[in-house]
Amino acid sequence: MATEDQTENPGGGMTVREAGRRGGERVKAKYGSEFYEAIGRKGGEATKSKYGPAFYEVIGQKGGQKLKKKAQP
């Protein structure tokens, strides 16, 4: 059974997933993995300044919880 990554796009082009993967690989090759570390750090600092340290406490507690599925009609 083929996965989504292995199936061909009927139009002959690449899938959105394939385009994203190839784009990410190209950025990694051009800038290195440190680039991703730096932008992740910047995003974390921006989130911290916007929401404060209490935000991380709340999401940390939610991290171990399972989500309740909504009943389907």
C-alpha atoms as a PDB file:
ATOM      1  CA  MET A   1       0.000   0.000   0.000  1.00  0.00           C
ATOM      2  CA  ALA A   2       1.465   3.379  -0.997  1.00  0.00           C
ATOM      3  CA  THR A   3       1.597   6.322   1.362  1.00  0.00           C
ATOM      4  CA  GLU A   4       0.802   9.884   0.378  1.00  0.00           C
ATOM      5  CA  ASP A   5       4.513  10.581  -0.120  1.00  0.00           C
ATOM      6  CA  GLN A   6       4.833   7.682  -2.570  1.00  0.00           C
ATOM      7  CA  THR A   7       1.767   8.368  -4.712  1.00  0.00           C
ATOM      8  CA  GLU A   8       2.053  10.500  -7.798  1.00  0.00           C
ATOM      9  CA  ASN A   9       0.005  13.616  -8.274  1.00  0.00           C
ATOM     10  CA  PRO A  10      -2.528  13.028 -11.094  1.00  0.00           C
ATOM     11  CA  GLY A  11      -1.605  16.391 -12.671  1.00  0.00           C
ATOM     12  CA  GLY A  12       2.016  15.338 -12.991  1.00  0.00           C
ATOM     13  CA  GLY A  13       3.331  17.975 -10.556  1.00  0.00           C
ATOM     14  CA  MET A  14       4.416  17.494  -6.994  1.00  0.00           C
ATOM     15  CA  THR A  15       2.177  17.383  -3.954  1.00  0.00           C
ATOM     16  CA  VAL A  16       2.092  20.194  -1.406  1.00  0.00           C
ATOM     17  CA  ARG A  17       3.816  17.888   1.068  1.00  0.00           C
ATOM     18  CA  GLU A  18       6.622  17.151  -1.398  1.00  0.00           C
ATOM     19  CA  ALA A  19       7.053  20.853  -2.213  1.00  0.00           C
ATOM     20  CA  GLY A  20       7.312  21.707   1.485  1.00  0.00           C
ATOM     21  CA  ARG A  21       9.813  18.927   2.131  1.00  0.00           C
ATOM     22  CA  ARG A  22      11.993  19.940  -0.797  1.00  0.00           C
ATOM     23  CA  GLY A  23      11.825  23.612   0.189  1.00  0.00           C
ATOM     24  CA  GLY A  24      12.832  22.796   3.760  1.00  0.00           C
ATOM     25  CA  GLU A  25      15.743  20.676   2.582  1.00  0.00           C
ATOM     26  CA  ARG A  26      16.946  23.484   0.328  1.00  0.00           C
ATOM     27  CA  VAL A  27      16.804  26.068   3.142  1.00  0.00           C
ATOM     28  CA  LYS A  28      18.651  23.660   5.434  1.00  0.00           C
ATOM     29  CA  ALA A  29      21.355  23.158   2.789  1.00  0.00           C
ATOM     30  CA  LYS A  30      21.686  26.899   2.194  1.00  0.00           C
ATOM     31  CA  TYR A  31      21.591  28.226   5.779  1.00  0.00           C
ATOM     32  CA  GLY A  32      22.328  25.186   7.970  1.00  0.00           C
ATOM     33  CA  SER A  33      20.507  23.783  10.963  1.00  0.00           C
ATOM     34  CA  GLU A  34      21.638  26.757  13.089  1.00  0.00           C
ATOM     35  CA  PHE A  35      19.209  28.893  11.080  1.00  0.00           C
ATOM     36  CA  TYR A  36      16.287  26.857  12.381  1.00  0.00           C
ATOM     37  CA  GLU A  37      17.627  27.092  15.937  1.00  0.00           C
ATOM     38  CA  ALA A  38      17.877  30.872  15.663  1.00  0.00           C
ATOM     39  CA  ILE A  39      14.372  31.416  14.282  1.00  0.00           C
ATOM     40  CA  GLY A  40      12.949  29.009  16.871  1.00  0.00           C
ATOM     41  CA  ARG A  41      14.672  30.944  19.646  1.00  0.00           C
ATOM     42  CA  LYS A  42      13.337  34.250  18.270  1.00  0.00           C
ATOM     43  CA  GLY A  43       9.824  32.827  18.128  1.00  0.00           C
ATOM     44  CA  GLY A  44      10.066  31.536  21.681  1.00  0.00           C
ATOM     45  CA  GLU A  45      11.273  34.904  22.939  1.00  0.00           C
ATOM     46  CA  ALA A  46       8.463  36.705  21.096  1.00  0.00           C
ATOM     47  CA  THR A  47       5.882  34.338  22.584  1.00  0.00           C
ATOM     48  CA  LYS A  48       7.353  34.805  26.049  1.00  0.00           C
ATOM     49  CA  SER A  49       7.225  38.608  25.785  1.00  0.00           C
ATOM     50  CA  LYS A  50       3.682  38.545  24.391  1.00  0.00           C
ATOM     51  CA  TYR A  51       2.077  36.024  26.782  1.00  0.00           C
ATOM     52  CA  GLY A  52       4.424  35.869  29.777  1.00  0.00           C
ATOM     53  CA  PRO A  53       5.835  32.927  31.730  1.00  0.00           C
ATOM     54  CA  ALA A  54       2.405  31.796  32.999  1.00  0.00           C
ATOM     55  CA  PHE A  55       1.489  30.831  29.435  1.00  0.00           C
ATOM     56  CA  TYR A  56       4.216  28.180  29.411  1.00  0.00           C
ATOM     57  CA  GLU A  57       2.937  26.753  32.694  1.00  0.00           C
ATOM     58  CA  VAL A  58      -0.544  26.311  31.214  1.00  0.00           C
ATOM     59  CA  ILE A  59       0.595  24.702  27.970  1.00  0.00           C
ATOM     60  CA  GLY A  60       3.059  22.536  29.888  1.00  0.00           C
ATOM     61  CA  GLN A  61       0.224  21.139  31.986  1.00  0.00           C
ATOM     62  CA  LYS A  62      -1.884  20.541  28.878  1.00  0.00           C
ATOM     63  CA  GLY A  63       0.976  18.688  27.212  1.00  0.00           C
ATOM     64  CA  GLY A  64       0.337  15.498  29.138  1.00  0.00           C
ATOM     65  CA  GLN A  65      -3.429  15.528  28.722  1.00  0.00           C
ATOM     66  CA  LYS A  66      -5.433  13.820  26.019  1.00  0.00           C
ATOM     67  CA  LEU A  67      -7.904  15.872  24.059  1.00  0.00           C
ATOM     68  CA  LYS A  68     -11.557  14.982  24.371  1.00  0.00           C
ATOM     69  CA  LYS A  69     -13.090  14.142  21.021  1.00  0.00           C
ATOM     70  CA  LYS A  70     -16.321  15.878  20.152  1.00  0.00           C
ATOM     71  CA  ALA A  71     -19.312  13.635  19.549  1.00  0.00           C
ATOM     72  CA  GLN A  72     -20.233  13.523  15.892  1.00  0.00           C
ATOM     73  CA  PRO A  73     -23.916  14.071  15.009  1.00  0.00           C
END
